[in-house]
PDB file of N, CA and C in Angstrom:
ATOM      1  N   MET A   1      41.482 -14.858  -6.150  1.00  0.00           N
ATOM      2  CA  MET A   1      40.206 -14.959  -5.606  1.00  0.00           C
ATOM      3  C   MET A   1      39.310 -14.421  -6.416  1.00  0.00           C
ATOM      4  N   SER A   2      38.092 -15.416  -6.951  1.00  0.00           N
ATOM      5  CA  SER A   2      37.346 -15.395  -7.971  1.00  0.00           C
ATOM      6  C   SER A   2      36.332 -14.641  -7.380  1.00  0.00           C
ATOM      7  N   ALA A   3      35.275 -13.932  -8.165  1.00  0.00           N
ATOM      8  CA  ALA A   3      34.176 -13.478  -8.329  1.00  0.00           C
ATOM      9  C   ALA A   3      33.197 -13.811  -7.024  1.00  0.00           C
ATOM     10  N   TYR A   4      33.315 -14.991  -6.830  1.00  0.00           N
ATOM     11  CA  TYR A   4      32.260 -15.584  -5.845  1.00  0.00           C
ATOM     12  C   TYR A   4      32.584 -16.210  -4.629  1.00  0.00           C
ATOM     13  N   ASP A   5      33.928 -15.713  -4.480  1.00  0.00           N
ATOM     14  CA  ASP A   5      34.562 -16.031  -2.852  1.00  0.00           C
ATOM     15  C   ASP A   5      33.720 -15.594  -1.968  1.00  0.00           C
ATOM     16  N   PRO A   6      33.168 -16.448  -1.105  1.00  0.00           N
ATOM     17  CA  PRO A   6      32.299 -16.018   0.360  1.00  0.00           C
ATOM     18  C   PRO A   6      33.302 -14.958   1.013  1.00  0.00           C
ATOM     19  N   ALA A   7      34.534 -15.157   1.250  1.00  0.00           N
ATOM     20  CA  ALA A   7      34.549 -13.635   1.942  1.00  0.00           C
ATOM     21  C   ALA A   7      34.433 -12.151   1.349  1.00  0.00           C
ATOM     22  N   GLN A   8      35.090 -12.111   0.079  1.00  0.00           N
ATOM     23  CA  GLN A   8      34.486 -11.216  -0.697  1.00  0.00           C
ATOM     24  C   GLN A   8      32.588 -10.957  -0.228  1.00  0.00           C
ATOM     25  N   MET A   9      32.264 -11.917  -0.446  1.00  0.00           N
ATOM     26  CA  MET A   9      30.916 -11.479  -0.819  1.00  0.00           C
ATOM     27  C   MET A   9      30.593 -11.052   0.003  1.00  0.00           C
ATOM     28  N   ARG A  10      30.935 -11.698   1.395  1.00  0.00           N
ATOM     29  CA  ARG A  10      30.167 -11.226   2.851  1.00  0.00           C
ATOM     30  C   ARG A  10      31.112  -9.699   3.682  1.00  0.00           C
ATOM     31  N   ALA A  11      32.005  -9.679   2.317  1.00  0.00           N
ATOM     32  CA  ALA A  11      32.440  -7.993   2.813  1.00  0.00           C
ATOM     33  C   ALA A  11      31.189  -6.991   2.265  1.00  0.00           C
ATOM     34  N   ASP A  12      31.066  -7.678   0.551  1.00  0.00           N
ATOM     35  CA  ASP A  12      30.427  -6.736  -0.110  1.00  0.00           C
ATOM     36  C   ASP A  12      28.377  -6.630   0.737  1.00  0.00           C
ATOM     37  N   CYS A  13      28.705  -7.460   1.304  1.00  0.00           N
ATOM     38  CA  CYS A  13      27.333  -7.473   2.037  1.00  0.00           C
ATOM     39  C   CYS A  13      27.367  -6.495   3.543  1.00  0.00           C
ATOM     40  N   ALA A  14      28.351  -6.559   3.925  1.00  0.00           N
ATOM     41  CA  ALA A  14      28.841  -5.810   5.172  1.00  0.00           C
ATOM     42  C   ALA A  14      28.571  -4.249   4.926  1.00  0.00           C
ATOM     43  N   GLU A  15      29.300  -4.210   3.852  1.00  0.00           N
ATOM     44  CA  GLU A  15      29.703  -2.837   3.032  1.00  0.00           C
ATOM     45  C   GLU A  15      27.823  -2.288   2.550  1.00  0.00           C
ATOM     46  N   VAL A  16      27.512  -2.972   1.651  1.00  0.00           N
ATOM     47  CA  VAL A  16      26.444  -2.513   1.705  1.00  0.00           C
ATOM     48  C   VAL A  16      25.243  -1.901   2.741  1.00  0.00           C
ATOM     49  N   GLY A  17      25.160  -3.422   3.690  1.00  0.00           N
ATOM     50  CA  GLY A  17      24.499  -3.160   5.311  1.00  0.00           C
ATOM     51  C   GLY A  17      24.811  -1.746   5.582  1.00  0.00           C
ATOM     52  N   ARG A  18      26.320  -0.792   5.888  1.00  0.00           N
ATOM     53  CA  ARG A  18      26.951   0.198   6.845  1.00  0.00           C
ATOM     54  C   ARG A  18      26.227   1.186   5.496  1.00  0.00           C
ATOM     55  N   ASN A  19      26.110   0.956   3.813  1.00  0.00           N
ATOM     56  CA  ASN A  19      25.373   1.864   3.368  1.00  0.00           C
ATOM     57  C   ASN A  19      24.388   2.488   3.880  1.00  0.00           C
ATOM     58  N   LEU A  20      23.620   1.261   3.688  1.00  0.00           N
ATOM     59  CA  LEU A  20      21.914   1.307   3.868  1.00  0.00           C
ATOM     60  C   LEU A  20      21.561   1.850   5.683  1.00  0.00           C
ATOM     61  N   ARG A  21      22.657   1.522   6.489  1.00  0.00           N
ATOM     62  CA  ARG A  21      22.502   2.272   7.489  1.00  0.00           C
ATOM     63  C   ARG A  21      21.520   1.626   8.359  1.00  0.00           C
ATOM     64  N   LEU A  22      21.508  -0.311   8.151  1.00  0.00           N
ATOM     65  CA  LEU A  22      20.384  -0.682   8.434  1.00  0.00           C
ATOM     66  C   LEU A  22      20.902  -0.786  10.246  1.00  0.00           C
ATOM     67  N   GLU A  23      22.413  -0.964  10.681  1.00  0.00           N
ATOM     68  CA  GLU A  23      22.676  -1.206  12.251  1.00  0.00           C
ATOM     69  C   GLU A  23      21.736   0.297  12.858  1.00  0.00           C
ATOM     70  N   ARG A  24      21.660   1.311  12.256  1.00  0.00           N
ATOM     71  CA  ARG A  24      21.100   2.316  13.051  1.00  0.00           C
ATOM     72  C   ARG A  24      19.684   2.261  12.969  1.00  0.00           C
ATOM     73  N   ALA A  25      18.770   1.715  11.873  1.00  0.00           N
ATOM     74  CA  ALA A  25      17.401   1.441  12.037  1.00  0.00           C
ATOM     75  C   ALA A  25      16.987   0.411  12.639  1.00  0.00           C
ATOM     76  N   ALA A  26      18.381  -0.819  13.165  1.00  0.00           N
ATOM     77  CA  ALA A  26      17.461  -1.918  13.383  1.00  0.00           C
ATOM     78  C   ALA A  26      17.653  -1.473  15.254  1.00  0.00           C
ATOM     79  N   ARG A  27      18.881  -0.709  15.210  1.00  0.00           N
ATOM     80  CA  ARG A  27      19.062   0.037  16.877  1.00  0.00           C
ATOM     81  C   ARG A  27      17.638   0.924  17.519  1.00  0.00           C
ATOM     82  N   LYS A  28      17.075   1.532  16.139  1.00  0.00           N
ATOM     83  CA  LYS A  28      15.683   2.732  16.451  1.00  0.00           C
ATOM     84  C   LYS A  28      15.016   1.986  16.645  1.00  0.00           C
ATOM     85  N   ALA A  29      14.630   0.957  15.658  1.00  0.00           N
ATOM     86  CA  ALA A  29      13.469   0.584  15.754  1.00  0.00           C
ATOM     87  C   ALA A  29      13.186  -0.646  17.684  1.00  0.00           C
ATOM     88  N   ALA A  30      14.233  -1.287  17.734  1.00  0.00           N
ATOM     89  CA  ALA A  30      14.208  -2.158  18.776  1.00  0.00           C
ATOM     90  C   ALA A  30      14.085  -0.865  20.290  1.00  0.00           C
ATOM     91  N   SER A  31      14.560   0.183  20.119  1.00  0.00           N
ATOM     92  CA  SER A  31      14.320   1.201  20.773  1.00  0.00           C
ATOM     93  C   SER A  31      13.285   1.933  21.217  1.00  0.00           C
ATOM     94  N   GLU A  32      12.295   1.868  20.444  1.00  0.00           N
ATOM     95  CA  GLU A  32      11.442   2.767  20.428  1.00  0.00           C
ATOM     96  C   GLU A  32      10.034   1.593  20.179  1.00  0.00           C
ATOM     97  N   PRO A  33       8.832   1.856  21.372  1.00  0.00           N
ATOM     98  CA  PRO A  33       8.038   1.056  21.756  1.00  0.00           C
ATOM     99  C   PRO A  33       7.137   0.758  19.870  1.00  0.00           C
ATOM    100  N   SER A  34       6.508  -0.465  19.942  1.00  0.00           N
ATOM    101  CA  SER A  34       5.728  -0.886  19.225  1.00  0.00           C
ATOM    102  C   SER A  34       4.316  -0.037  19.173  1.00  0.00           C
ATOM    103  N   PRO A  35       3.637   0.294  17.363  1.00  0.00           N
ATOM    104  CA  PRO A  35       2.989   0.941  17.385  1.00  0.00           C
ATOM    105  C   PRO A  35       1.396   0.367  17.943  1.00  0.00           C
ATOM    106  N   SER A  36       0.774   1.356  18.037  1.00  0.00           N
ATOM    107  CA  SER A  36      -0.556   0.479  18.949  1.00  0.00           C
ATOM    108  C   SER A  36      -1.561   0.137  18.034  1.00  0.00           C
ATOM    109  N   LEU A  37      -2.535  -0.942  18.473  1.00  0.00           N
ATOM    110  CA  LEU A  37      -3.219  -1.917  17.362  1.00  0.00           C
ATOM    111  C   LEU A  37      -4.537  -1.497  18.125  1.00  0.00           C
ATOM    112  N   HIS A  38      -4.640  -0.217  18.690  1.00  0.00           N
ATOM    113  CA  HIS A  38      -6.287  -0.276  19.074  1.00  0.00           C
ATOM    114  C   HIS A  38      -6.261   0.873  18.294  1.00  0.00           C
ATOM    115  N   PHE A  39      -8.230   0.735  17.326  1.00  0.00           N
ATOM    116  CA  PHE A  39      -8.507   0.904  16.757  1.00  0.00           C
ATOM    117  C   PHE A  39      -8.722   3.110  17.487  1.00  0.00           C
ATOM    118  N   GLU A  40      -8.954   2.998  18.685  1.00  0.00           N
ATOM    119  CA  GLU A  40      -9.229   4.990  19.310  1.00  0.00           C
ATOM    120  C   GLU A  40      -7.733   5.368  19.415  1.00  0.00           C
ATOM    121  N   ASP A  41      -6.762   4.000  19.628  1.00  0.00           N
ATOM    122  CA  ASP A  41      -5.697   5.471  18.862  1.00  0.00           C
ATOM    123  C   ASP A  41      -5.785   5.908  17.825  1.00  0.00           C
ATOM    124  N   PHE A  42      -6.118   5.383  16.984  1.00  0.00           N
ATOM    125  CA  PHE A  42      -6.300   5.734  15.212  1.00  0.00           C
ATOM    126  C   PHE A  42      -7.819   6.071  15.079  1.00  0.00           C
ATOM    127  N   PRO A  43      -8.135   7.559  15.360  1.00  0.00           N
ATOM    128  CA  PRO A  43      -9.565   7.623  15.285  1.00  0.00           C
ATOM    129  C   PRO A  43     -10.242   7.911  13.959  1.00  0.00           C
ATOM    130  N   ARG A  44      -9.181   8.571  13.087  1.00  0.00           N
ATOM    131  CA  ARG A  44      -9.770   9.084  11.587  1.00  0.00           C
ATOM    132  C   ARG A  44     -10.136   7.865  11.253  1.00  0.00           C
ATOM    133  N   ASP A  45     -11.241   8.420  10.107  1.00  0.00           N
ATOM    134  CA  ASP A  45     -11.810   7.109   9.314  1.00  0.00           C
ATOM    135  C   ASP A  45     -11.709   7.553   7.843  1.00  0.00           C
ATOM    136  N   LEU A  46     -10.702   7.231   6.906  1.00  0.00           N
ATOM    137  CA  LEU A  46     -10.555   7.535   5.670  1.00  0.00           C
ATOM    138  C   LEU A  46     -11.306   7.230   4.490  1.00  0.00           C
ATOM    139  N   PRO A  47     -11.913   8.180   4.062  1.00  0.00           N
ATOM    140  CA  PRO A  47     -13.663   7.708   2.959  1.00  0.00           C
ATOM    141  C   PRO A  47     -12.544   6.834   1.586  1.00  0.00           C
ATOM    142  N   LYS A  48     -13.144   6.331   1.220  1.00  0.00           N
ATOM    143  CA  LYS A  48     -12.466   5.441   0.546  1.00  0.00           C
ATOM    144  C   LYS A  48     -12.509   5.837  -0.893  1.00  0.00           C
ATOM    145  N   ARG A  49     -11.597   5.682  -1.700  1.00  0.00           N
ATOM    146  CA  ARG A  49     -11.905   6.695  -2.936  1.00  0.00           C
ATOM    147  C   ARG A  49     -12.910   5.962  -3.993  1.00  0.00           C
ATOM    148  N   GLU A  50     -13.252   7.348  -4.615  1.00  0.00           N
ATOM    149  CA  GLU A  50     -14.644   7.384  -5.813  1.00  0.00           C
ATOM    150  C   GLU A  50     -13.772   6.562  -7.347  1.00  0.00           C
ATOM    151  N   ILE A  51     -14.106   5.450  -7.610  1.00  0.00           N
ATOM    152  CA  ILE A  51     -13.539   4.977  -9.160  1.00  0.00           C
ATOM    153  C   ILE A  51     -14.142   5.552 -10.324  1.00  0.00           C
ATOM    154  N   LYS A  52     -13.613   6.164 -10.936  1.00  0.00           N
ATOM    155  CA  LYS A  52     -14.618   6.920 -12.266  1.00  0.00           C
ATOM    156  C   LYS A  52     -14.550   6.427 -13.313  1.00  0.00           C
ATOM    157  N   ILE A  53     -15.004   5.689 -14.199  1.00  0.00           N
ATOM    158  CA  ILE A  53     -14.978   4.590 -14.987  1.00  0.00           C
ATOM    159  C   ILE A  53     -15.238   6.185 -16.172  1.00  0.00           C
ATOM    160  N   SER A  54     -14.192   6.003 -17.253  1.00  0.00           N
ATOM    161  CA  SER A  54     -14.718   6.602 -18.367  1.00  0.00           C
ATOM    162  C   SER A  54     -15.527   5.907 -19.692  1.00  0.00           C
ATOM    163  N   ASP A  55     -16.127   6.816 -20.620  1.00  0.00           N
ATOM    164  CA  ASP A  55     -16.498   6.355 -21.931  1.00  0.00           C
ATOM    165  C   ASP A  55     -16.234   5.278 -22.168  1.00  0.00           C
ATOM    166  N   ALA A  56     -15.007   5.646 -22.889  1.00  0.00           N
ATOM    167  CA  ALA A  56     -14.399   4.753 -23.495  1.00  0.00           C
ATOM    168  C   ALA A  56     -13.692   3.232 -22.916  1.00  0.00           C
ATOM    169  N   ALA A  57     -13.507   3.702 -21.034  1.00  0.00           N
ATOM    170  CA  ALA A  57     -13.047   2.241 -20.676  1.00  0.00           C
ATOM    171  C   ALA A  57     -14.316   1.276 -21.083  1.00  0.00           C
ATOM    172  N   ALA A  58     -15.397   2.181 -20.870  1.00  0.00           N
ATOM    173  CA  ALA A  58     -17.063   1.355 -20.416  1.00  0.00           C
ATOM    174  C   ALA A  58     -17.705   0.702 -21.842  1.00  0.00           C
ATOM    175  N   ARG A  59     -17.058   1.560 -23.586  1.00  0.00           N
ATOM    176  CA  ARG A  59     -17.827   1.057 -24.197  1.00  0.00           C
ATOM    177  C   ARG A  59     -16.415  -0.259 -24.919  1.00  0.00           C
ATOM    178  N   LEU A  60     -15.383   0.157 -23.809  1.00  0.00           N
ATOM    179  CA  LEU A  60     -14.368  -1.201 -24.348  1.00  0.00           C
ATOM    180  C   LEU A  60     -15.254  -2.454 -23.266  1.00  0.00           C
ATOM    181  N   ALA A  61     -15.330  -2.138 -22.218  1.00  0.00           N
ATOM    182  CA  ALA A  61     -15.757  -3.119 -21.204  1.00  0.00           C
ATOM    183  C   ALA A  61     -16.649  -3.974 -22.202  1.00  0.00           C
ATOM    184  N   GLY A  62     -17.858  -3.087 -22.563  1.00  0.00           N
ATOM    185  CA  GLY A  62     -18.973  -3.486 -23.702  1.00  0.00           C
ATOM    186  C   GLY A  62     -18.830  -4.326 -24.267  1.00  0.00           C
ATOM    187  N   ALA A  63     -17.292  -4.005 -25.197  1.00  0.00           N
ATOM    188  CA  ALA A  63     -17.059  -4.971 -26.296  1.00  0.00           C
ATOM    189  C   ALA A  63     -16.495  -6.301 -26.128  1.00  0.00           C
ATOM    190  N   LEU A  64     -15.953  -6.176 -25.120  1.00  0.00           N
ATOM    191  CA  LEU A  64     -15.264  -7.286 -23.915  1.00  0.00           C
ATOM    192  C   LEU A  64     -16.591  -8.500 -23.284  1.00  0.00           C
ATOM    193  N   HIS A  65     -17.522  -7.937 -23.096  1.00  0.00           N
ATOM    194  CA  HIS A  65     -18.792  -8.410 -22.626  1.00  0.00           C
ATOM    195  C   HIS A  65     -18.255  -8.282 -20.908  1.00  0.00           C
ATOM    196  N   LEU A  66     -17.826  -7.416 -20.351  1.00  0.00           N
ATOM    197  CA  LEU A  66     -17.576  -7.053 -19.354  1.00  0.00           C
ATOM    198  C   LEU A  66     -18.458  -5.836 -17.984  1.00  0.00           C
ATOM    199  N   HIS A  67     -19.391  -6.000 -16.975  1.00  0.00           N
ATOM    200  CA  HIS A  67     -19.996  -5.408 -16.522  1.00  0.00           C
ATOM    201  C   HIS A  67     -19.455  -4.477 -15.390  1.00  0.00           C
ATOM    202  N   LEU A  68     -18.906  -3.192 -15.861  1.00  0.00           N
ATOM    203  CA  LEU A  68     -18.620  -2.038 -15.173  1.00  0.00           C
ATOM    204  C   LEU A  68     -19.392  -1.212 -14.395  1.00  0.00           C
ATOM    205  N   ASP A  69     -20.271  -1.570 -13.670  1.00  0.00           N
ATOM    206  CA  ASP A  69     -21.420  -0.981 -12.692  1.00  0.00           C
ATOM    207  C   ASP A  69     -20.595   0.295 -11.720  1.00  0.00           C
TER     208      ASP A  69
END
């Protein structure tokens, strides 16, 4: 049997699937309802993070003629 024997590759894939618990995850996903797509079901609005530009980055951008505002 060579390293690329299809039967051995299939057995390897099946073993990986068992180790990753894909079958259990698939059953769980199939048995649970899908998540809502409606905004009112997720009412919180998260603020965007503020990006801070250090003096060193601003000097480097200036030397490269980039404009960081």
